[in-house]
Amino acid sequence: DAVLFHAVLHGSARIACAGGAMIE
């Protein structure tokens, strides 16, 4: 039920959700 916050401080990463949403 929580809200998750992620910030990239160095480098790069890809986030992908189980429902299909994805962001670089």
mmCIF file of all heavy atoms, coordinates in Angstrom:
data_MODEL
# 
_entry.id   MODEL 
# 
loop_
_atom_site.group_PDB 
_atom_site.id 
_atom_site.type_symbol 
_atom_site.label_atom_id 
_atom_site.label_alt_id 
_atom_site.label_comp_id 
_atom_site.label_asym_id 
_atom_site.label_entity_id 
_atom_site.label_seq_id 
_atom_site.pdbx_PDB_ins_code 
_atom_site.Cartn_x 
_atom_site.Cartn_y 
_atom_site.Cartn_z 
_atom_site.occupancy 
_atom_site.B_iso_or_equiv 
_atom_site.pdbx_formal_charge 
_atom_site.auth_seq_id 
_atom_site.auth_comp_id 
_atom_site.auth_asym_id 
_atom_site.auth_atom_id 
_atom_site.pdbx_PDB_model_num 
ATOM 1   N N   . ASP A 1 1  ? 0.806  -1.221 0.000   1.00 0.00 ? 1  ASP A N   1 
ATOM 2   C CA  . ASP A 1 1  ? 0.000  0.000  0.000   1.00 0.00 ? 1  ASP A CA  1 
ATOM 3   C C   . ASP A 1 1  ? 0.841  1.274  0.000   1.00 0.00 ? 1  ASP A C   1 
ATOM 4   O O   . ASP A 1 1  ? 0.312  2.364  -0.202  1.00 0.00 ? 1  ASP A O   1 
ATOM 5   C CB  . ASP A 1 1  ? -0.911 0.025  1.238   1.00 0.00 ? 1  ASP A CB  1 
ATOM 6   C CG  . ASP A 1 1  ? -1.962 -1.068 1.196   1.00 0.00 ? 1  ASP A CG  1 
ATOM 7   O OD1 . ASP A 1 1  ? -2.317 -1.488 0.081   1.00 0.00 ? 1  ASP A OD1 1 
ATOM 8   O OD2 . ASP A 1 1  ? -2.415 -1.502 2.270   1.00 0.00 ? 1  ASP A OD2 1 
ATOM 9   N N   . ALA A 1 2  ? 2.130  1.149  0.239   1.00 0.00 ? 2  ALA A N   1 
ATOM 10  C CA  . ALA A 1 2  ? 2.979  2.328  0.391   1.00 0.00 ? 2  ALA A CA  1 
ATOM 11  C C   . ALA A 1 2  ? 3.303  2.979  -0.954  1.00 0.00 ? 2  ALA A C   1 
ATOM 12  O O   . ALA A 1 2  ? 3.120  2.389  -2.021  1.00 0.00 ? 2  ALA A O   1 
ATOM 13  C CB  . ALA A 1 2  ? 4.268  1.951  1.118   1.00 0.00 ? 2  ALA A CB  1 
ATOM 14  N N   . VAL A 1 3  ? 3.799  4.195  -0.866  1.00 0.00 ? 3  VAL A N   1 
ATOM 15  C CA  . VAL A 1 3  ? 4.321  4.929  -2.017  1.00 0.00 ? 3  VAL A CA  1 
ATOM 16  C C   . VAL A 1 3  ? 5.848  4.829  -1.961  1.00 0.00 ? 3  VAL A C   1 
ATOM 17  O O   . VAL A 1 3  ? 6.447  5.034  -0.898  1.00 0.00 ? 3  VAL A O   1 
ATOM 18  C CB  . VAL A 1 3  ? 3.869  6.403  -1.972  1.00 0.00 ? 3  VAL A CB  1 
ATOM 19  C CG1 . VAL A 1 3  ? 4.678  7.255  -2.931  1.00 0.00 ? 3  VAL A CG1 1 
ATOM 20  C CG2 . VAL A 1 3  ? 2.380  6.517  -2.283  1.00 0.00 ? 3  VAL A CG2 1 
ATOM 21  N N   . LEU A 1 4  ? 6.478  4.503  -3.088  1.00 0.00 ? 4  LEU A N   1 
ATOM 22  C CA  . LEU A 1 4  ? 7.939  4.372  -3.139  1.00 0.00 ? 4  LEU A CA  1 
ATOM 23  C C   . LEU A 1 4  ? 8.544  5.530  -3.918  1.00 0.00 ? 4  LEU A C   1 
ATOM 24  O O   . LEU A 1 4  ? 8.046  5.905  -4.978  1.00 0.00 ? 4  LEU A O   1 
ATOM 25  C CB  . LEU A 1 4  ? 8.339  3.052  -3.800  1.00 0.00 ? 4  LEU A CB  1 
ATOM 26  C CG  . LEU A 1 4  ? 8.480  1.798  -2.923  1.00 0.00 ? 4  LEU A CG  1 
ATOM 27  C CD1 . LEU A 1 4  ? 9.614  1.967  -1.924  1.00 0.00 ? 4  LEU A CD1 1 
ATOM 28  C CD2 . LEU A 1 4  ? 7.182  1.477  -2.199  1.00 0.00 ? 4  LEU A CD2 1 
ATOM 29  N N   . PHE A 1 5  ? 9.603  6.088  -3.355  1.00 0.00 ? 5  PHE A N   1 
ATOM 30  C CA  . PHE A 1 5  ? 10.325 7.198  -3.970  1.00 0.00 ? 5  PHE A CA  1 
ATOM 31  C C   . PHE A 1 5  ? 11.733 6.724  -4.302  1.00 0.00 ? 5  PHE A C   1 
ATOM 32  O O   . PHE A 1 5  ? 12.411 6.137  -3.453  1.00 0.00 ? 5  PHE A O   1 
ATOM 33  C CB  . PHE A 1 5  ? 10.383 8.378  -2.994  1.00 0.00 ? 5  PHE A CB  1 
ATOM 34  C CG  . PHE A 1 5  ? 11.159 9.573  -3.488  1.00 0.00 ? 5  PHE A CG  1 
ATOM 35  C CD1 . PHE A 1 5  ? 10.513 10.633 -4.090  1.00 0.00 ? 5  PHE A CD1 1 
ATOM 36  C CD2 . PHE A 1 5  ? 12.545 9.640  -3.331  1.00 0.00 ? 5  PHE A CD2 1 
ATOM 37  C CE1 . PHE A 1 5  ? 11.224 11.737 -4.543  1.00 0.00 ? 5  PHE A CE1 1 
ATOM 38  C CE2 . PHE A 1 5  ? 13.263 10.734 -3.776  1.00 0.00 ? 5  PHE A CE2 1 
ATOM 39  C CZ  . PHE A 1 5  ? 12.606 11.787 -4.388  1.00 0.00 ? 5  PHE A CZ  1 
ATOM 40  N N   . HIS A 1 6  ? 12.197 6.952  -5.536  1.00 0.00 ? 6  HIS A N   1 
ATOM 41  C CA  . HIS A 1 6  ? 13.554 6.596  -5.944  1.00 0.00 ? 6  HIS A CA  1 
ATOM 42  C C   . HIS A 1 6  ? 14.167 7.767  -6.708  1.00 0.00 ? 6  HIS A C   1 
ATOM 43  O O   . HIS A 1 6  ? 13.528 8.324  -7.620  1.00 0.00 ? 6  HIS A O   1 
ATOM 44  C CB  . HIS A 1 6  ? 13.567 5.357  -6.849  1.00 0.00 ? 6  HIS A CB  1 
ATOM 45  C CG  . HIS A 1 6  ? 12.945 4.135  -6.252  1.00 0.00 ? 6  HIS A CG  1 
ATOM 46  N ND1 . HIS A 1 6  ? 13.548 3.408  -5.245  1.00 0.00 ? 6  HIS A ND1 1 
ATOM 47  C CD2 . HIS A 1 6  ? 11.766 3.510  -6.521  1.00 0.00 ? 6  HIS A CD2 1 
ATOM 48  C CE1 . HIS A 1 6  ? 12.773 2.381  -4.928  1.00 0.00 ? 6  HIS A CE1 1 
ATOM 49  N NE2 . HIS A 1 6  ? 11.692 2.416  -5.677  1.00 0.00 ? 6  HIS A NE2 1 
ATOM 50  N N   . ALA A 1 7  ? 15.380 8.138  -6.346  1.00 0.00 ? 7  ALA A N   1 
ATOM 51  C CA  . ALA A 1 7  ? 16.107 9.191  -7.052  1.00 0.00 ? 7  ALA A CA  1 
ATOM 52  C C   . ALA A 1 7  ? 17.511 8.699  -7.367  1.00 0.00 ? 7  ALA A C   1 
ATOM 53  O O   . ALA A 1 7  ? 18.188 8.134  -6.498  1.00 0.00 ? 7  ALA A O   1 
ATOM 54  C CB  . ALA A 1 7  ? 16.164 10.463 -6.212  1.00 0.00 ? 7  ALA A CB  1 
ATOM 55  N N   . VAL A 1 8  ? 17.966 8.919  -8.590  1.00 0.00 ? 8  VAL A N   1 
ATOM 56  C CA  . VAL A 1 8  ? 19.309 8.506  -9.003  1.00 0.00 ? 8  VAL A CA  1 
ATOM 57  C C   . VAL A 1 8  ? 20.274 9.667  -8.728  1.00 0.00 ? 8  VAL A C   1 
ATOM 58  O O   . VAL A 1 8  ? 20.141 10.755 -9.304  1.00 0.00 ? 8  VAL A O   1 
ATOM 59  C CB  . VAL A 1 8  ? 19.339 8.110  -10.497 1.00 0.00 ? 8  VAL A CB  1 
ATOM 60  C CG1 . VAL A 1 8  ? 20.762 7.792  -10.932 1.00 0.00 ? 8  VAL A CG1 1 
ATOM 61  C CG2 . VAL A 1 8  ? 18.431 6.897  -10.729 1.00 0.00 ? 8  VAL A CG2 1 
ATOM 62  N N   . LEU A 1 9  ? 21.234 9.429  -7.858  1.00 0.00 ? 9  LEU A N   1 
ATOM 63  C CA  . LEU A 1 9  ? 22.217 10.457 -7.501  1.00 0.00 ? 9  LEU A CA  1 
ATOM 64  C C   . LEU A 1 9  ? 23.510 10.304 -8.292  1.00 0.00 ? 9  LEU A C   1 
ATOM 65  O O   . LEU A 1 9  ? 24.286 11.253 -8.402  1.00 0.00 ? 9  LEU A O   1 
ATOM 66  C CB  . LEU A 1 9  ? 22.524 10.380 -5.995  1.00 0.00 ? 9  LEU A CB  1 
ATOM 67  C CG  . LEU A 1 9  ? 21.316 10.424 -5.047  1.00 0.00 ? 9  LEU A CG  1 
ATOM 68  C CD1 . LEU A 1 9  ? 21.788 10.395 -3.602  1.00 0.00 ? 9  LEU A CD1 1 
ATOM 69  C CD2 . LEU A 1 9  ? 20.456 11.656 -5.320  1.00 0.00 ? 9  LEU A CD2 1 
ATOM 70  N N   . HIS A 1 10 ? 23.738 9.099  -8.814  1.00 0.00 ? 10 HIS A N   1 
ATOM 71  C CA  . HIS A 1 10 ? 24.944 8.837  -9.603  1.00 0.00 ? 10 HIS A CA  1 
ATOM 72  C C   . HIS A 1 10 ? 24.640 7.718  -10.600 1.00 0.00 ? 10 HIS A C   1 
ATOM 73  O O   . HIS A 1 10 ? 23.941 6.755  -10.270 1.00 0.00 ? 10 HIS A O   1 
ATOM 74  C CB  . HIS A 1 10 ? 26.101 8.408  -8.683  1.00 0.00 ? 10 HIS A CB  1 
ATOM 75  C CG  . HIS A 1 10 ? 27.269 7.832  -9.430  1.00 0.00 ? 10 HIS A CG  1 
ATOM 76  N ND1 . HIS A 1 10 ? 28.159 8.608  -10.159 1.00 0.00 ? 10 HIS A ND1 1 
ATOM 77  C CD2 . HIS A 1 10 ? 27.695 6.548  -9.572  1.00 0.00 ? 10 HIS A CD2 1 
ATOM 78  C CE1 . HIS A 1 10 ? 29.068 7.825  -10.705 1.00 0.00 ? 10 HIS A CE1 1 
ATOM 79  N NE2 . HIS A 1 10 ? 28.813 6.579  -10.370 1.00 0.00 ? 10 HIS A NE2 1 
ATOM 80  N N   . GLY A 1 11 ? 25.149 7.850  -11.813 1.00 0.00 ? 11 GLY A N   1 
ATOM 81  C CA  . GLY A 1 11 ? 24.971 6.810  -12.816 1.00 0.00 ? 11 GLY A CA  1 
ATOM 82  C C   . GLY A 1 11 ? 23.588 6.843  -13.437 1.00 0.00 ? 11 GLY A C   1 
ATOM 83  O O   . GLY A 1 11 ? 22.963 7.905  -13.581 1.00 0.00 ? 11 GLY A O   1 
ATOM 84  N N   . SER A 1 12 ? 23.082 5.691  -13.777 1.00 0.00 ? 12 SER A N   1 
ATOM 85  C CA  . SER A 1 12 ? 21.765 5.586  -14.403 1.00 0.00 ? 12 SER A CA  1 
ATOM 86  C C   . SER A 1 12 ? 21.150 4.241  -14.046 1.00 0.00 ? 12 SER A C   1 
ATOM 87  O O   . SER A 1 12 ? 21.850 3.292  -13.677 1.00 0.00 ? 12 SER A O   1 
ATOM 88  C CB  . SER A 1 12 ? 21.867 5.727  -15.927 1.00 0.00 ? 12 SER A CB  1 
ATOM 89  O OG  . SER A 1 12 ? 22.658 4.687  -16.469 1.00 0.00 ? 12 SER A OG  1 
ATOM 90  N N   . ALA A 1 13 ? 19.825 4.162  -14.167 1.00 0.00 ? 13 ALA A N   1 
ATOM 91  C CA  . ALA A 1 13 ? 19.112 2.931  -13.843 1.00 0.00 ? 13 ALA A CA  1 
ATOM 92  C C   . ALA A 1 13 ? 17.790 2.924  -14.594 1.00 0.00 ? 13 ALA A C   1 
ATOM 93  O O   . ALA A 1 13 ? 17.326 3.954  -15.088 1.00 0.00 ? 13 ALA A O   1 
ATOM 94  C CB  . ALA A 1 13 ? 18.875 2.806  -12.339 1.00 0.00 ? 13 ALA A CB  1 
ATOM 95  N N   . ARG A 1 14 ? 17.212 1.751  -14.680 1.00 0.00 ? 14 ARG A N   1 
ATOM 96  C CA  . ARG A 1 14 ? 15.893 1.599  -15.304 1.00 0.00 ? 14 ARG A CA  1 
ATOM 97  C C   . ARG A 1 14 ? 14.942 1.043  -14.264 1.00 0.00 ? 14 ARG A C   1 
ATOM 98  O O   . ARG A 1 14 ? 15.250 0.068  -13.581 1.00 0.00 ? 14 ARG A O   1 
ATOM 99  C CB  . ARG A 1 14 ? 15.974 0.641  -16.491 1.00 0.00 ? 14 ARG A CB  1 
ATOM 100 C CG  . ARG A 1 14 ? 14.611 0.226  -17.034 1.00 0.00 ? 14 ARG A CG  1 
ATOM 101 C CD  . ARG A 1 14 ? 14.736 -0.860 -18.085 1.00 0.00 ? 14 ARG A CD  1 
ATOM 102 N NE  . ARG A 1 14 ? 15.340 -0.344 -19.301 1.00 0.00 ? 14 ARG A NE  1 
ATOM 103 C CZ  . ARG A 1 14 ? 15.538 -1.090 -20.396 1.00 0.00 ? 14 ARG A CZ  1 
ATOM 104 N NH1 . ARG A 1 14 ? 15.211 -2.375 -20.389 1.00 0.00 ? 14 ARG A NH1 1 
ATOM 105 N NH2 . ARG A 1 14 ? 16.088 -0.558 -21.466 1.00 0.00 ? 14 ARG A NH2 1 
ATOM 106 N N   . ILE A 1 15 ? 13.760 1.668  -14.153 1.00 0.00 ? 15 ILE A N   1 
ATOM 107 C CA  . ILE A 1 15 ? 12.726 1.147  -13.260 1.00 0.00 ? 15 ILE A CA  1 
ATOM 108 C C   . ILE A 1 15 ? 11.621 0.534  -14.107 1.00 0.00 ? 15 ILE A C   1 
ATOM 109 O O   . ILE A 1 15 ? 11.197 1.123  -15.105 1.00 0.00 ? 15 ILE A O   1 
ATOM 110 C CB  . ILE A 1 15 ? 12.170 2.249  -12.326 1.00 0.00 ? 15 ILE A CB  1 
ATOM 111 C CG1 . ILE A 1 15 ? 11.120 1.651  -11.378 1.00 0.00 ? 15 ILE A CG1 1 
ATOM 112 C CG2 . ILE A 1 15 ? 11.596 3.424  -13.107 1.00 0.00 ? 15 ILE A CG2 1 
ATOM 113 C CD1 . ILE A 1 15 ? 10.666 2.588  -10.284 1.00 0.00 ? 15 ILE A CD1 1 
ATOM 114 N N   . ALA A 1 16 ? 11.196 -0.656 -13.719 1.00 0.00 ? 16 ALA A N   1 
ATOM 115 C CA  . ALA A 1 16 ? 10.131 -1.347 -14.439 1.00 0.00 ? 16 ALA A CA  1 
ATOM 116 C C   . ALA A 1 16 ? 9.128  -1.872 -13.429 1.00 0.00 ? 16 ALA A C   1 
ATOM 117 O O   . ALA A 1 16 ? 9.505  -2.487 -12.429 1.00 0.00 ? 16 ALA A O   1 
ATOM 118 C CB  . ALA A 1 16 ? 10.693 -2.500 -15.267 1.00 0.00 ? 16 ALA A CB  1 
ATOM 119 N N   . CYS A 1 17 ? 7.841  -1.606 -13.669 1.00 0.00 ? 17 CYS A N   1 
ATOM 120 C CA  . CYS A 1 17 ? 6.769  -2.060 -12.778 1.00 0.00 ? 17 CYS A CA  1 
ATOM 121 C C   . CYS A 1 17 ? 6.170  -3.356 -13.296 1.00 0.00 ? 17 CYS A C   1 
ATOM 122 O O   . CYS A 1 17 ? 6.224  -3.654 -14.490 1.00 0.00 ? 17 CYS A O   1 
ATOM 123 C CB  . CYS A 1 17 ? 5.683  -0.993 -12.670 1.00 0.00 ? 17 CYS A CB  1 
ATOM 124 S SG  . CYS A 1 17 ? 6.181  0.444  -11.710 1.00 0.00 ? 17 CYS A SG  1 
ATOM 125 N N   . ALA A 1 18 ? 5.555  -4.092 -12.380 1.00 0.00 ? 18 ALA A N   1 
ATOM 126 C CA  . ALA A 1 18 ? 4.932  -5.359 -12.758 1.00 0.00 ? 18 ALA A CA  1 
ATOM 127 C C   . ALA A 1 18 ? 3.838  -5.150 -13.788 1.00 0.00 ? 18 ALA A C   1 
ATOM 128 O O   . ALA A 1 18 ? 3.591  -6.017 -14.625 1.00 0.00 ? 18 ALA A O   1 
ATOM 129 C CB  . ALA A 1 18 ? 4.362  -6.044 -11.518 1.00 0.00 ? 18 ALA A CB  1 
ATOM 130 N N   . GLY A 1 19 ? 3.192  -3.991 -13.764 1.00 0.00 ? 19 GLY A N   1 
ATOM 131 C CA  . GLY A 1 19 ? 2.130  -3.714 -14.721 1.00 0.00 ? 19 GLY A CA  1 
ATOM 132 C C   . GLY A 1 19 ? 2.602  -3.309 -16.091 1.00 0.00 ? 19 GLY A C   1 
ATOM 133 O O   . GLY A 1 19 ? 1.792  -3.125 -16.995 1.00 0.00 ? 19 GLY A O   1 
ATOM 134 N N   . GLY A 1 20 ? 3.925  -3.137 -16.281 1.00 0.00 ? 20 GLY A N   1 
ATOM 135 C CA  . GLY A 1 20 ? 4.457  -2.816 -17.603 1.00 0.00 ? 20 GLY A CA  1 
ATOM 136 C C   . GLY A 1 20 ? 5.061  -1.434 -17.742 1.00 0.00 ? 20 GLY A C   1 
ATOM 137 O O   . GLY A 1 20 ? 5.788  -1.179 -18.712 1.00 0.00 ? 20 GLY A O   1 
ATOM 138 N N   . ALA A 1 21 ? 4.781  -0.503 -16.830 1.00 0.00 ? 21 ALA A N   1 
ATOM 139 C CA  . ALA A 1 21 ? 5.356  0.841  -16.922 1.00 0.00 ? 21 ALA A CA  1 
ATOM 140 C C   . ALA A 1 21 ? 6.868  0.775  -16.722 1.00 0.00 ? 21 ALA A C   1 
ATOM 141 O O   . ALA A 1 21 ? 7.362  0.019  -15.882 1.00 0.00 ? 21 ALA A O   1 
ATOM 142 C CB  . ALA A 1 21 ? 4.722  1.755  -15.881 1.00 0.00 ? 21 ALA A CB  1 
ATOM 143 N N   . MET A 1 22 ? 7.615  1.571  -17.501 1.00 0.00 ? 22 MET A N   1 
ATOM 144 C CA  . MET A 1 22 ? 9.080  1.548  -17.413 1.00 0.00 ? 22 MET A CA  1 
ATOM 145 C C   . MET A 1 22 ? 9.626  2.931  -17.736 1.00 0.00 ? 22 MET A C   1 
ATOM 146 O O   . MET A 1 22 ? 9.124  3.618  -18.630 1.00 0.00 ? 22 MET A O   1 
ATOM 147 C CB  . MET A 1 22 ? 9.652  0.513  -18.387 1.00 0.00 ? 22 MET A CB  1 
ATOM 148 C CG  . MET A 1 22 ? 11.157 0.350  -18.295 1.00 0.00 ? 22 MET A CG  1 
ATOM 149 S SD  . MET A 1 22 ? 11.761 -0.941 -19.420 1.00 0.00 ? 22 MET A SD  1 
ATOM 150 C CE  . MET A 1 22 ? 11.423 -0.164 -21.005 1.00 0.00 ? 22 MET A CE  1 
ATOM 151 N N   . ILE A 1 23 ? 10.664 3.347  -17.001 1.00 0.00 ? 23 ILE A N   1 
ATOM 152 C CA  . ILE A 1 23 ? 11.286 4.653  -17.204 1.00 0.00 ? 23 ILE A CA  1 
ATOM 153 C C   . ILE A 1 23 ? 12.795 4.500  -17.036 1.00 0.00 ? 23 ILE A C   1 
ATOM 154 O O   . ILE A 1 23 ? 13.267 3.810  -16.136 1.00 0.00 ? 23 ILE A O   1 
ATOM 155 C CB  . ILE A 1 23 ? 10.761 5.703  -16.202 1.00 0.00 ? 23 ILE A CB  1 
ATOM 156 C CG1 . ILE A 1 23 ? 9.260  5.953  -16.402 1.00 0.00 ? 23 ILE A CG1 1 
ATOM 157 C CG2 . ILE A 1 23 ? 11.515 7.017  -16.345 1.00 0.00 ? 23 ILE A CG2 1 
ATOM 158 C CD1 . ILE A 1 23 ? 8.676  6.928  -15.399 1.00 0.00 ? 23 ILE A CD1 1 
ATOM 159 N N   . GLU A 1 24 ? 13.552 5.170  -17.912 1.00 0.00 ? 24 GLU A N   1 
ATOM 160 C CA  . GLU A 1 24 ? 15.005 5.270  -17.776 1.00 0.00 ? 24 GLU A CA  1 
ATOM 161 C C   . GLU A 1 24 ? 15.327 6.501  -16.934 1.00 0.00 ? 24 GLU A C   1 
ATOM 162 O O   . GLU A 1 24 ? 14.804 7.590  -17.189 1.00 0.00 ? 24 GLU A O   1 
ATOM 163 C CB  . GLU A 1 24 ? 15.666 5.391  -19.152 1.00 0.00 ? 24 GLU A CB  1 
ATOM 164 C CG  . GLU A 1 24 ? 15.425 4.218  -20.078 1.00 0.00 ? 24 GLU A CG  1 
ATOM 165 C CD  . GLU A 1 24 ? 16.292 3.012  -19.738 1.00 0.00 ? 24 GLU A CD  1 
ATOM 166 O OE1 . GLU A 1 24 ? 17.196 3.167  -18.881 1.00 0.00 ? 24 GLU A OE1 1 
ATOM 167 O OE2 . GLU A 1 24 ? 16.067 1.943  -20.318 1.00 0.00 ? 24 GLU A OE2 1 
# 
